[in-house]
Protein backbone atom coordinates (compact mmCIF):
# COMPACT_ATOMS: atom_id res chain seq x y z
CA UNK A 1 65.90 159.28 49.96
CA UNK A 2 67.25 159.02 53.50
CA UNK A 3 65.49 160.22 56.63
CA UNK A 4 68.81 161.11 58.31
CA UNK A 5 70.35 164.51 57.60
CA UNK A 6 73.52 165.76 59.27
CA UNK A 7 74.23 169.49 59.32
CA UNK A 8 77.90 170.16 59.87
CA UNK A 9 81.11 172.04 59.09
CA UNK A 10 84.54 170.40 58.71
CA UNK A 11 86.10 172.66 61.36
CA UNK A 12 83.60 172.03 64.12
CA UNK A 13 82.34 169.51 66.63
CA UNK A 14 80.31 168.25 63.70
CA UNK A 15 83.25 165.94 63.05
CA UNK A 16 82.20 163.98 66.12
CA UNK A 17 78.70 163.44 64.77
CA UNK A 18 80.10 162.68 61.32
CA UNK A 19 82.27 159.92 62.75
CA UNK A 20 79.26 158.59 64.62
CA UNK A 21 77.20 158.46 61.42
CA UNK A 22 79.96 156.50 59.70
CA UNK A 23 80.09 154.06 62.63
CA UNK A 24 76.32 153.68 62.35
CA UNK A 25 76.47 152.68 58.72
CA UNK A 26 72.99 153.93 57.81
CA UNK A 27 72.43 156.03 54.72
CA UNK A 28 72.46 159.75 55.53
CA UNK A 29 72.68 163.11 53.80
CA UNK A 30 75.33 165.67 54.72
CA UNK A 31 74.47 169.37 54.56
CA UNK A 32 77.62 171.49 54.80
CA UNK A 33 77.08 174.88 56.39
CA UNK A 34 79.33 177.92 56.73
CA UNK A 35 79.98 180.11 59.75
CA UNK A 36 78.20 183.46 59.82
CA UNK A 37 76.12 182.80 56.71
CA UNK A 38 74.18 179.58 56.22
CA UNK A 39 74.47 178.68 59.93
CA UNK A 40 72.59 181.89 60.74
CA UNK A 41 70.08 181.66 57.90
CA UNK A 42 66.41 181.44 58.92
CA UNK A 43 65.95 177.95 57.50
CA UNK A 44 68.80 176.57 59.62
CA UNK A 45 67.83 178.57 62.71
CA UNK A 46 64.52 176.70 62.47
CA UNK A 47 66.56 173.51 62.87
CA UNK A 48 68.90 174.80 65.59
CA UNK A 49 68.10 178.22 67.11
CA UNK A 50 71.71 178.39 68.36
CA UNK A 51 72.88 178.67 64.77
CA UNK A 52 75.62 176.13 65.44
CA UNK A 53 76.55 172.67 64.23
CA UNK A 54 76.17 169.78 64.39
CA UNK A 55 72.50 169.05 64.18
CA UNK A 56 70.82 165.86 63.05
CA UNK A 57 67.38 165.57 61.53
CA UNK A 58 65.85 162.10 61.79
CA UNK A 59 62.51 162.15 60.07
CA UNK A 60 60.44 164.75 61.91
CA UNK A 61 62.74 165.11 64.92
CA UNK A 62 65.90 167.15 65.41
CA UNK A 63 68.77 166.44 67.78
CA UNK A 64 71.54 168.92 68.54
CA UNK A 65 74.73 168.70 70.62
CA UNK A 66 77.39 166.17 69.64
CA UNK A 67 77.07 163.94 72.69
CA UNK A 68 73.29 163.84 72.34
CA UNK A 69 73.54 162.93 68.66
CA UNK A 70 75.91 160.06 69.46
CA UNK A 71 73.62 158.72 72.17
CA UNK A 72 70.46 159.25 70.11
CA UNK A 73 71.48 157.38 66.98
CA UNK A 74 72.97 154.51 68.98
CA UNK A 75 69.60 154.15 70.71
CA UNK A 76 67.54 154.68 67.55
CA UNK A 77 69.43 151.95 65.66
CA UNK A 78 70.21 149.36 68.35
CA UNK A 79 70.94 146.59 65.85
CA UNK A 80 74.27 148.26 65.09
CA UNK A 81 75.36 147.40 68.64
CA UNK A 82 76.82 150.77 69.54
CA UNK A 83 75.04 150.67 72.89
CA UNK A 84 76.28 149.08 76.11
CA UNK A 85 74.80 145.65 76.83
CA UNK A 86 75.30 144.99 80.54
CA UNK A 87 74.64 147.02 83.67
CA UNK A 88 78.36 147.56 84.18
CA UNK A 89 78.76 148.71 80.57
CA UNK A 90 75.77 151.06 80.86
CA UNK A 91 77.22 152.60 84.01
CA UNK A 92 80.56 153.26 82.29
CA UNK A 93 78.84 154.45 79.10
CA UNK A 94 76.75 157.13 80.76
CA UNK A 95 79.43 158.07 83.28
CA UNK A 96 82.16 158.83 80.77
CA UNK A 97 79.93 160.23 78.04
CA UNK A 98 78.59 162.85 80.44
CA UNK A 99 82.01 163.31 82.05
CA UNK A 100 83.53 164.25 78.69
CA UNK A 101 80.66 166.60 77.83
CA UNK A 102 80.72 168.19 81.30
CA UNK A 103 83.74 168.27 83.63
CA UNK A 104 86.34 167.44 80.97
CA UNK A 105 85.20 170.12 78.54
CA UNK A 106 84.88 172.69 81.34
CA UNK A 107 88.37 171.93 82.64
CA UNK A 108 89.96 172.09 79.20
CA UNK A 109 88.18 175.31 78.20
CA UNK A 110 89.06 176.99 81.50
CA UNK A 111 92.72 176.08 81.10
CA UNK A 112 92.84 177.07 77.43
CA UNK A 113 91.35 180.50 78.15
CA UNK A 114 93.58 181.06 81.15
CA UNK A 115 90.78 181.00 83.69
CA UNK A 116 91.71 179.94 87.19
CA UNK A 117 89.47 178.87 90.04
CA UNK A 118 89.95 181.15 93.05
CA UNK A 119 91.42 179.49 96.13
CA UNK A 120 88.77 177.75 98.16
CA UNK A 121 86.17 177.91 95.35
CA UNK A 122 86.88 174.58 93.68
CA UNK A 123 83.58 173.16 94.94
CA UNK A 124 81.74 175.81 92.91
CA UNK A 125 82.88 174.45 89.55
CA UNK A 126 81.93 171.15 88.00
CA UNK A 127 85.45 169.87 87.46
CA UNK A 128 87.29 170.80 90.65
CA UNK A 129 90.71 171.11 89.02
CA UNK A 130 92.31 170.35 85.67
CA UNK A 131 94.68 167.80 87.24
CA UNK A 132 91.89 165.99 89.06
CA UNK A 133 89.85 165.83 85.87
CA UNK A 134 92.68 164.31 83.84
CA UNK A 135 93.50 161.84 86.59
CA UNK A 136 89.86 160.71 86.67
CA UNK A 137 89.76 160.29 82.90
CA UNK A 138 93.00 158.32 82.92
CA UNK A 139 91.64 156.00 85.59
CA UNK A 140 88.59 155.27 83.44
CA UNK A 141 90.58 154.61 80.29
CA UNK A 142 92.88 152.18 82.07
CA UNK A 143 89.98 149.74 82.53
CA UNK A 144 90.11 148.38 78.98
CA UNK A 145 90.62 149.27 75.33
CA UNK A 146 87.35 151.21 75.29
CA UNK A 147 85.16 153.18 77.69
CA UNK A 148 82.96 150.13 78.31
CA UNK A 149 85.85 147.68 78.53
CA UNK A 150 86.15 145.41 75.52
CA UNK A 151 83.09 146.80 73.71
CA UNK A 152 83.31 149.86 71.45
CA UNK A 153 80.25 152.08 71.92
CA UNK A 154 78.94 155.49 70.96
CA UNK A 155 80.56 156.87 74.11
CA UNK A 156 83.97 156.20 72.57
CA UNK A 157 83.13 158.45 69.65
CA UNK A 158 82.58 161.41 71.94
CA UNK A 159 85.20 160.64 74.58
CA UNK A 160 87.70 159.63 71.92
CA UNK A 161 87.16 162.84 69.96
CA UNK A 162 87.72 164.88 73.11
CA UNK A 163 90.95 163.02 73.84
CA UNK A 164 92.23 163.14 70.26
CA UNK A 165 91.59 166.86 69.89
CA UNK A 166 93.09 167.57 73.30
CA UNK A 167 96.28 165.78 72.31
CA UNK A 168 96.37 167.45 68.89
CA UNK A 169 95.92 170.99 70.21
CA UNK A 170 97.91 170.54 73.40
CA UNK A 171 95.00 171.01 75.80
CA UNK A 172 95.46 167.52 77.26
CA UNK A 173 98.69 166.23 78.72
CA UNK A 174 100.28 163.57 76.50
CA UNK A 175 99.84 160.68 78.89
CA UNK A 176 100.49 157.18 77.48
CA UNK A 177 96.95 156.03 78.29
CA UNK A 178 95.45 158.92 76.32
CA UNK A 179 97.78 158.45 73.36
CA UNK A 180 97.13 154.71 73.13
CA UNK A 181 93.36 155.23 73.32
CA UNK A 182 93.39 157.91 70.61
CA UNK A 183 95.58 155.78 68.33
CA UNK A 184 93.27 152.79 68.75
CA UNK A 185 90.25 154.83 67.71
CA UNK A 186 92.01 156.59 64.83
CA UNK A 187 92.59 153.18 63.22
CA UNK A 188 88.86 152.45 62.98
CA UNK A 189 87.58 152.45 59.38
CA UNK A 190 84.65 154.74 60.23
CA UNK A 191 87.02 157.26 61.80
CA UNK A 192 89.23 157.19 58.72
CA UNK A 193 86.24 157.64 56.39
CA UNK A 194 84.80 160.57 58.29
CA UNK A 195 88.20 162.26 58.55
CA UNK A 196 88.67 161.88 54.80
CA UNK A 197 85.26 163.41 54.04
CA UNK A 198 85.95 166.41 56.25
CA UNK A 199 89.46 166.97 54.93
CA UNK A 200 88.18 166.73 51.37
CA UNK A 201 85.55 169.34 52.15
CA UNK A 202 88.23 171.64 53.56
CA UNK A 203 90.38 171.21 50.46
CA UNK A 204 87.65 171.62 47.86
CA UNK A 205 85.01 173.70 49.57
CA UNK A 206 82.55 171.97 47.29
CA UNK A 207 80.25 169.02 47.29
CA UNK A 208 81.59 165.82 48.78
CA UNK A 209 80.20 162.55 47.47
């Protein structure tokens, strides 16, 4: 019996948390939920009142939001070395993890939905402009193979998912730095395993071992 339970759906940000759990390597249970039904059921709303996935139960505590789940499990299981080790690595880790969850997501969503920032109001939004946001991300990813340089961390799971999905769905420009980073991460065994589990769930709609 494991004390880690991941609530997710294969067509959701739950894929980020699923990848993170595979990187972690601890035993965990997956509870597959469906939109509009089990996600809104009282027993799951007691876990996450938003009625959304992912959520992670670790013993008696619950963590929601993909970025928070990535950061939480890396911290809860430090022996798996998914945390930054030096001050410089910690600075990059927190900077780009929160950048991807904040300015990057805002900029991408605004562009996807056709929202534009009125002239002279750029200071009122967290990302300034789409171009500035992508330029900043590119500058960070030029520093090394991973967000923290040579060390893969939990931040790469979240940032990498954002980049990979952006490239896949055309919400990020196909810059060489982004494409190389996404390809590097897609080759990781944990990424491959989690992708397989989610694709299998989509194909079968049933239990996934």
